[in-house]
Amino acid sequence: MKLTKIALVSSLALVGVSLLFSFSIKKKRLTNFDDSKSRYVEIKIVDEGDQHAKYDVYALSPKDDPVLLLEKSTTSNKYLTLKIPDNANYFMINRVEKGKSHRELFRIDPLRTEVYFSKNRIDID
């Protein structure tokens, strides 16, 4: 009986460590891009809904992997300057509110992008 419990606990610990390792590799892969081929843009997230919403902001390009720019950010209603890959043309914003996640794509304006989240709909200016 004790041997079975020890085997079960050790196997669960091994699975947990492997999951943590895989998440850390994925996170590193998302943030690596060539700094020489980058540009700066401004983004402003305007949210009229829940003030406690969090945002994950990614830059998407046609040929490369997504690049994580902001993770679990609570910043809204101000401009943020972000460094993005030169060939990125879309922001993907994952909005987390009360445990529910919602993703939307927004085209990147060359200088300044404003994204609006209202209570009933999502829109871009």
N, C-alpha and C. Protein backbone atom coordinates (compact mmCIF):
# COMPACT_ATOMS: atom_id res chain seq x y z
N MET A 1 0.82 -1.19 0.00
CA MET A 1 0.00 0.00 0.00
C MET A 1 0.87 1.26 0.00
N LYS A 2 1.89 1.30 0.89
CA LYS A 2 2.78 2.46 0.94
C LYS A 2 3.57 2.59 -0.35
N LEU A 3 3.97 1.47 -0.92
CA LEU A 3 4.74 1.49 -2.16
C LEU A 3 3.90 2.07 -3.31
N THR A 4 2.62 1.74 -3.32
CA THR A 4 1.72 2.26 -4.35
C THR A 4 1.55 3.77 -4.20
N LYS A 5 1.40 4.25 -2.96
CA LYS A 5 1.27 5.69 -2.72
C LYS A 5 2.54 6.43 -3.12
N ILE A 6 3.68 5.85 -2.80
CA ILE A 6 4.95 6.49 -3.15
C ILE A 6 5.10 6.57 -4.67
N ALA A 7 4.73 5.51 -5.36
CA ALA A 7 4.82 5.49 -6.83
C ALA A 7 3.86 6.52 -7.43
N LEU A 8 2.67 6.63 -6.87
CA LEU A 8 1.68 7.58 -7.38
C LEU A 8 2.14 9.02 -7.17
N VAL A 9 2.65 9.32 -5.98
CA VAL A 9 3.11 10.67 -5.68
C VAL A 9 4.31 11.04 -6.55
N SER A 10 5.24 10.12 -6.72
CA SER A 10 6.42 10.42 -7.53
C SER A 10 6.06 10.60 -9.00
N SER A 11 5.10 9.83 -9.49
CA SER A 11 4.69 10.00 -10.89
C SER A 11 3.96 11.33 -11.09
N LEU A 12 3.14 11.74 -10.12
CA LEU A 12 2.47 13.04 -10.21
C LEU A 12 3.49 14.19 -10.15
N ALA A 13 4.50 14.05 -9.31
CA ALA A 13 5.54 15.07 -9.23
C ALA A 13 6.31 15.17 -10.54
N LEU A 14 6.58 14.04 -11.16
CA LEU A 14 7.29 14.02 -12.43
C LEU A 14 6.47 14.69 -13.53
N VAL A 15 5.17 14.42 -13.56
CA VAL A 15 4.29 15.05 -14.54
C VAL A 15 4.24 16.56 -14.31
N GLY A 16 4.16 16.99 -13.06
CA GLY A 16 4.13 18.42 -12.75
C GLY A 16 5.40 19.13 -13.19
N VAL A 17 6.54 18.53 -12.93
CA VAL A 17 7.82 19.14 -13.33
C VAL A 17 7.92 19.22 -14.85
N SER A 18 7.49 18.17 -15.53
CA SER A 18 7.57 18.19 -17.00
C SER A 18 6.62 19.25 -17.59
N LEU A 19 5.44 19.44 -16.98
CA LEU A 19 4.53 20.49 -17.46
C LEU A 19 5.11 21.88 -17.24
N LEU A 20 5.71 22.12 -16.08
CA LEU A 20 6.34 23.41 -15.82
C LEU A 20 7.47 23.68 -16.80
N PHE A 21 8.26 22.65 -17.08
CA PHE A 21 9.36 22.79 -18.02
C PHE A 21 8.85 23.12 -19.42
N SER A 22 7.79 22.46 -19.85
CA SER A 22 7.25 22.71 -21.19
C SER A 22 6.66 24.11 -21.29
N PHE A 23 6.02 24.62 -20.23
CA PHE A 23 5.48 25.98 -20.26
C PHE A 23 6.61 27.01 -20.32
N SER A 24 7.69 26.77 -19.59
CA SER A 24 8.80 27.73 -19.61
C SER A 24 9.46 27.76 -20.98
N ILE A 25 9.56 26.63 -21.66
CA ILE A 25 10.13 26.61 -23.00
C ILE A 25 9.23 27.36 -23.96
N LYS A 26 7.93 27.15 -23.86
CA LYS A 26 6.98 27.82 -24.74
C LYS A 26 7.03 29.33 -24.54
N LYS A 27 7.13 29.78 -23.30
CA LYS A 27 7.16 31.20 -23.01
C LYS A 27 8.43 31.84 -23.59
N LYS A 28 9.56 31.15 -23.47
CA LYS A 28 10.80 31.69 -24.02
C LYS A 28 10.72 31.78 -25.54
N ARG A 29 10.12 30.78 -26.16
CA ARG A 29 10.01 30.76 -27.62
C ARG A 29 9.15 31.92 -28.11
N LEU A 30 8.15 32.28 -27.36
CA LEU A 30 7.25 33.35 -27.78
C LEU A 30 7.91 34.72 -27.71
N THR A 31 8.85 34.90 -26.81
CA THR A 31 9.42 36.23 -26.62
C THR A 31 10.70 36.45 -27.41
N ASN A 32 11.26 35.44 -28.06
CA ASN A 32 12.50 35.61 -28.80
C ASN A 32 12.23 36.11 -30.21
N PHE A 33 12.81 37.25 -30.55
CA PHE A 33 12.80 37.71 -31.94
C PHE A 33 14.02 38.60 -32.14
N ASP A 34 14.41 38.75 -33.38
CA ASP A 34 15.61 39.48 -33.74
C ASP A 34 15.40 40.98 -33.49
N ASP A 35 16.20 41.55 -32.59
CA ASP A 35 16.05 42.97 -32.24
C ASP A 35 16.40 43.90 -33.40
N SER A 36 17.25 43.44 -34.31
CA SER A 36 17.63 44.31 -35.43
C SER A 36 16.48 44.50 -36.41
N LYS A 37 15.53 43.58 -36.41
CA LYS A 37 14.36 43.68 -37.29
C LYS A 37 13.12 43.97 -36.46
N SER A 38 13.15 45.08 -35.77
CA SER A 38 12.02 45.43 -34.91
C SER A 38 11.65 46.89 -35.11
N ARG A 39 10.47 47.24 -34.63
CA ARG A 39 9.99 48.62 -34.69
C ARG A 39 9.16 48.89 -33.44
N TYR A 40 8.88 50.15 -33.20
CA TYR A 40 8.09 50.54 -32.04
C TYR A 40 6.73 51.05 -32.50
N VAL A 41 5.70 50.63 -31.78
CA VAL A 41 4.35 51.12 -32.03
C VAL A 41 3.69 51.42 -30.68
N GLU A 42 2.64 52.20 -30.73
CA GLU A 42 1.88 52.50 -29.52
C GLU A 42 0.54 51.81 -29.58
N ILE A 43 0.10 51.31 -28.44
CA ILE A 43 -1.21 50.68 -28.34
C ILE A 43 -1.91 51.26 -27.11
N LYS A 44 -3.19 51.47 -27.25
CA LYS A 44 -4.02 51.94 -26.14
C LYS A 44 -5.23 51.02 -26.06
N ILE A 45 -5.42 50.40 -24.90
CA ILE A 45 -6.57 49.52 -24.68
C ILE A 45 -7.58 50.30 -23.85
N VAL A 46 -8.73 50.56 -24.44
CA VAL A 46 -9.81 51.28 -23.75
C VAL A 46 -10.87 50.26 -23.40
N ASP A 47 -11.12 50.07 -22.11
CA ASP A 47 -12.06 49.05 -21.65
C ASP A 47 -13.15 49.70 -20.82
N GLU A 48 -14.38 49.58 -21.29
CA GLU A 48 -15.53 50.12 -20.55
C GLU A 48 -16.17 49.06 -19.67
N GLY A 49 -15.69 47.85 -19.74
CA GLY A 49 -16.27 46.75 -18.97
C GLY A 49 -15.63 46.65 -17.60
N ASP A 50 -15.27 45.43 -17.22
CA ASP A 50 -14.70 45.14 -15.91
C ASP A 50 -13.34 45.83 -15.76
N GLN A 51 -13.17 46.57 -14.68
CA GLN A 51 -11.91 47.26 -14.43
C GLN A 51 -10.81 46.31 -13.96
N HIS A 52 -11.15 45.07 -13.66
CA HIS A 52 -10.16 44.11 -13.18
C HIS A 52 -9.76 43.13 -14.27
N ALA A 53 -10.08 43.41 -15.51
CA ALA A 53 -9.71 42.53 -16.61
C ALA A 53 -8.20 42.58 -16.82
N LYS A 54 -7.65 41.47 -17.30
CA LYS A 54 -6.23 41.38 -17.61
C LYS A 54 -6.07 41.07 -19.08
N TYR A 55 -4.95 41.51 -19.64
CA TYR A 55 -4.73 41.39 -21.07
C TYR A 55 -3.39 40.72 -21.34
N ASP A 56 -3.39 39.77 -22.26
CA ASP A 56 -2.17 39.23 -22.84
C ASP A 56 -2.13 39.77 -24.26
N VAL A 57 -1.06 40.45 -24.62
CA VAL A 57 -0.95 41.05 -25.94
C VAL A 57 0.16 40.35 -26.71
N TYR A 58 -0.18 39.87 -27.90
CA TYR A 58 0.76 39.18 -28.77
C TYR A 58 0.89 39.97 -30.07
N ALA A 59 2.06 39.89 -30.70
CA ALA A 59 2.26 40.41 -32.05
C ALA A 59 2.29 39.22 -32.99
N LEU A 60 1.50 39.28 -34.05
CA LEU A 60 1.42 38.19 -35.02
C LEU A 60 2.00 38.63 -36.35
N SER A 61 2.80 37.76 -36.94
CA SER A 61 3.35 38.01 -38.26
C SER A 61 3.07 36.81 -39.15
N PRO A 62 3.09 36.99 -40.47
CA PRO A 62 2.68 35.91 -41.36
C PRO A 62 3.56 34.66 -41.31
N LYS A 63 4.87 34.83 -41.08
CA LYS A 63 5.76 33.67 -41.19
C LYS A 63 6.36 33.22 -39.86
N ASP A 64 6.33 34.04 -38.84
CA ASP A 64 6.98 33.71 -37.57
C ASP A 64 5.97 33.31 -36.51
N ASP A 65 6.50 32.81 -35.39
CA ASP A 65 5.66 32.45 -34.25
C ASP A 65 5.14 33.72 -33.57
N PRO A 66 4.04 33.61 -32.82
CA PRO A 66 3.55 34.78 -32.07
C PRO A 66 4.58 35.25 -31.04
N VAL A 67 4.62 36.55 -30.82
CA VAL A 67 5.55 37.13 -29.86
C VAL A 67 4.73 37.72 -28.72
N LEU A 68 4.99 37.25 -27.50
CA LEU A 68 4.29 37.74 -26.32
C LEU A 68 4.88 39.09 -25.91
N LEU A 69 4.06 40.13 -25.93
CA LEU A 69 4.52 41.47 -25.58
C LEU A 69 4.17 41.86 -24.16
N LEU A 70 2.94 41.60 -23.75
CA LEU A 70 2.49 41.88 -22.39
C LEU A 70 1.79 40.65 -21.86
N GLU A 71 2.03 40.33 -20.60
CA GLU A 71 1.38 39.17 -20.00
C GLU A 71 0.64 39.61 -18.74
N LYS A 72 -0.64 39.33 -18.69
CA LYS A 72 -1.50 39.64 -17.54
C LYS A 72 -1.40 41.11 -17.15
N SER A 73 -1.42 41.97 -18.14
CA SER A 73 -1.35 43.40 -17.90
C SER A 73 -2.73 43.92 -17.49
N THR A 74 -2.75 44.84 -16.56
CA THR A 74 -4.00 45.47 -16.14
C THR A 74 -4.07 46.92 -16.63
N THR A 75 -3.09 47.32 -17.43
CA THR A 75 -3.03 48.69 -17.92
C THR A 75 -4.08 48.93 -18.98
N SER A 76 -4.90 49.93 -18.77
CA SER A 76 -5.86 50.32 -19.80
C SER A 76 -6.00 51.84 -19.76
N ASN A 77 -6.51 52.38 -20.85
CA ASN A 77 -6.75 53.81 -21.01
C ASN A 77 -5.49 54.66 -21.02
N LYS A 78 -4.33 54.09 -21.35
CA LYS A 78 -3.12 54.86 -21.58
C LYS A 78 -2.34 54.23 -22.73
N TYR A 79 -1.54 55.04 -23.37
CA TYR A 79 -0.73 54.54 -24.47
C TYR A 79 0.50 53.83 -23.92
N LEU A 80 0.80 52.69 -24.51
CA LEU A 80 2.00 51.93 -24.18
C LEU A 80 2.83 51.81 -25.44
N THR A 81 4.13 52.01 -25.32
CA THR A 81 5.03 51.83 -26.46
C THR A 81 5.61 50.43 -26.38
N LEU A 82 5.41 49.65 -27.45
CA LEU A 82 5.86 48.27 -27.48
C LEU A 82 6.81 48.05 -28.65
N LYS A 83 7.83 47.22 -28.41
CA LYS A 83 8.73 46.83 -29.49
C LYS A 83 8.18 45.55 -30.11
N ILE A 84 7.96 45.57 -31.42
CA ILE A 84 7.39 44.42 -32.11
C ILE A 84 8.29 44.04 -33.28
N PRO A 85 8.19 42.79 -33.76
CA PRO A 85 8.94 42.41 -34.96
C PRO A 85 8.51 43.27 -36.15
N ASP A 86 9.43 43.52 -37.05
CA ASP A 86 9.17 44.41 -38.19
C ASP A 86 8.06 43.90 -39.10
N ASN A 87 7.92 42.57 -39.22
CA ASN A 87 6.91 42.03 -40.14
C ASN A 87 5.58 41.73 -39.45
N ALA A 88 5.42 42.11 -38.20
CA ALA A 88 4.14 41.87 -37.50
C ALA A 88 3.07 42.81 -38.04
N ASN A 89 1.88 42.27 -38.27
CA ASN A 89 0.81 43.11 -38.80
C ASN A 89 -0.50 43.02 -38.01
N TYR A 90 -0.55 42.17 -36.98
CA TYR A 90 -1.74 42.06 -36.15
C TYR A 90 -1.36 41.96 -34.68
N PHE A 91 -2.20 42.54 -33.83
CA PHE A 91 -2.15 42.27 -32.39
C PHE A 91 -3.21 41.23 -32.10
N MET A 92 -2.88 40.25 -31.29
CA MET A 92 -3.89 39.35 -30.76
C MET A 92 -3.98 39.67 -29.27
N ILE A 93 -5.16 40.04 -28.83
CA ILE A 93 -5.34 40.40 -27.43
C ILE A 93 -6.24 39.36 -26.79
N ASN A 94 -5.72 38.74 -25.74
CA ASN A 94 -6.48 37.78 -24.96
C ASN A 94 -6.95 38.51 -23.71
N ARG A 95 -8.24 38.75 -23.61
CA ARG A 95 -8.82 39.48 -22.48
C ARG A 95 -9.39 38.48 -21.50
N VAL A 96 -8.92 38.51 -20.26
CA VAL A 96 -9.38 37.59 -19.23
C VAL A 96 -10.18 38.39 -18.22
N GLU A 97 -11.45 38.01 -18.08
CA GLU A 97 -12.35 38.70 -17.16
C GLU A 97 -13.15 37.66 -16.39
N LYS A 98 -13.02 37.68 -15.08
CA LYS A 98 -13.74 36.76 -14.20
C LYS A 98 -13.54 35.31 -14.61
N GLY A 99 -12.31 34.96 -14.96
CA GLY A 99 -11.99 33.58 -15.32
C GLY A 99 -12.33 33.19 -16.74
N LYS A 100 -12.98 34.07 -17.50
CA LYS A 100 -13.33 33.78 -18.89
C LYS A 100 -12.36 34.50 -19.81
N SER A 101 -11.94 33.79 -20.84
CA SER A 101 -10.96 34.32 -21.77
C SER A 101 -11.61 34.57 -23.13
N HIS A 102 -11.24 35.68 -23.76
CA HIS A 102 -11.77 36.02 -25.08
C HIS A 102 -10.63 36.62 -25.91
N ARG A 103 -10.38 36.05 -27.10
CA ARG A 103 -9.31 36.53 -27.97
C ARG A 103 -9.87 37.27 -29.18
N GLU A 104 -9.19 38.34 -29.54
CA GLU A 104 -9.57 39.12 -30.72
C GLU A 104 -8.31 39.54 -31.47
N LEU A 105 -8.42 39.67 -32.78
CA LEU A 105 -7.33 40.16 -33.62
C LEU A 105 -7.60 41.61 -34.01
N PHE A 106 -6.53 42.42 -34.00
CA PHE A 106 -6.63 43.82 -34.38
C PHE A 106 -5.46 44.16 -35.29
N ARG A 107 -5.74 44.80 -36.39
CA ARG A 107 -4.69 45.21 -37.33
C ARG A 107 -3.84 46.29 -36.68
N ILE A 108 -2.53 46.19 -36.87
CA ILE A 108 -1.60 47.15 -36.28
C ILE A 108 -1.52 48.39 -37.16
N ASP A 109 -1.84 49.52 -36.59
CA ASP A 109 -1.66 50.80 -37.26
C ASP A 109 -0.15 51.11 -37.21
N PRO A 110 0.41 51.73 -38.25
CA PRO A 110 1.86 51.96 -38.26
C PRO A 110 2.40 52.74 -37.05
N LEU A 111 1.62 53.64 -36.50
CA LEU A 111 2.11 54.42 -35.37
C LEU A 111 1.34 54.19 -34.08
N ARG A 112 0.01 54.22 -34.16
CA ARG A 112 -0.79 54.19 -32.94
C ARG A 112 -2.05 53.38 -33.16
N THR A 113 -2.27 52.38 -32.32
CA THR A 113 -3.46 51.54 -32.41
C THR A 113 -4.29 51.72 -31.15
N GLU A 114 -5.58 51.97 -31.32
CA GLU A 114 -6.50 52.06 -30.19
C GLU A 114 -7.49 50.92 -30.29
N VAL A 115 -7.61 50.17 -29.20
CA VAL A 115 -8.50 49.01 -29.15
C VAL A 115 -9.57 49.29 -28.11
N TYR A 116 -10.82 49.09 -28.49
CA TYR A 116 -11.94 49.38 -27.59
C TYR A 116 -12.66 48.10 -27.20
N PHE A 117 -12.83 47.91 -25.90
CA PHE A 117 -13.65 46.83 -25.38
C PHE A 117 -14.82 47.50 -24.65
N SER A 118 -16.02 47.33 -25.15
CA SER A 118 -17.18 47.88 -24.47
C SER A 118 -17.92 46.75 -23.77
N LYS A 119 -18.96 47.08 -23.05
CA LYS A 119 -19.70 46.05 -22.31
C LYS A 119 -20.38 45.07 -23.24
N ASN A 120 -20.84 45.52 -24.39
CA ASN A 120 -21.62 44.65 -25.27
C ASN A 120 -20.91 44.24 -26.55
N ARG A 121 -19.86 44.93 -26.92
CA ARG A 121 -19.19 44.58 -28.16
C ARG A 121 -17.73 44.99 -28.13
N ILE A 122 -16.98 44.50 -29.10
CA ILE A 122 -15.57 44.82 -29.22
C ILE A 122 -15.40 45.54 -30.55
N ASP A 123 -14.63 46.63 -30.54
CA ASP A 123 -14.47 47.42 -31.76
C ASP A 123 -13.06 47.99 -31.80
N ILE A 124 -12.65 48.45 -32.95
CA ILE A 124 -11.35 49.10 -33.11
C ILE A 124 -11.54 50.41 -33.85
N ASP A 125 -10.74 51.39 -33.49
CA ASP A 125 -10.80 52.70 -34.15
C ASP A 125 -9.69 52.78 -35.17
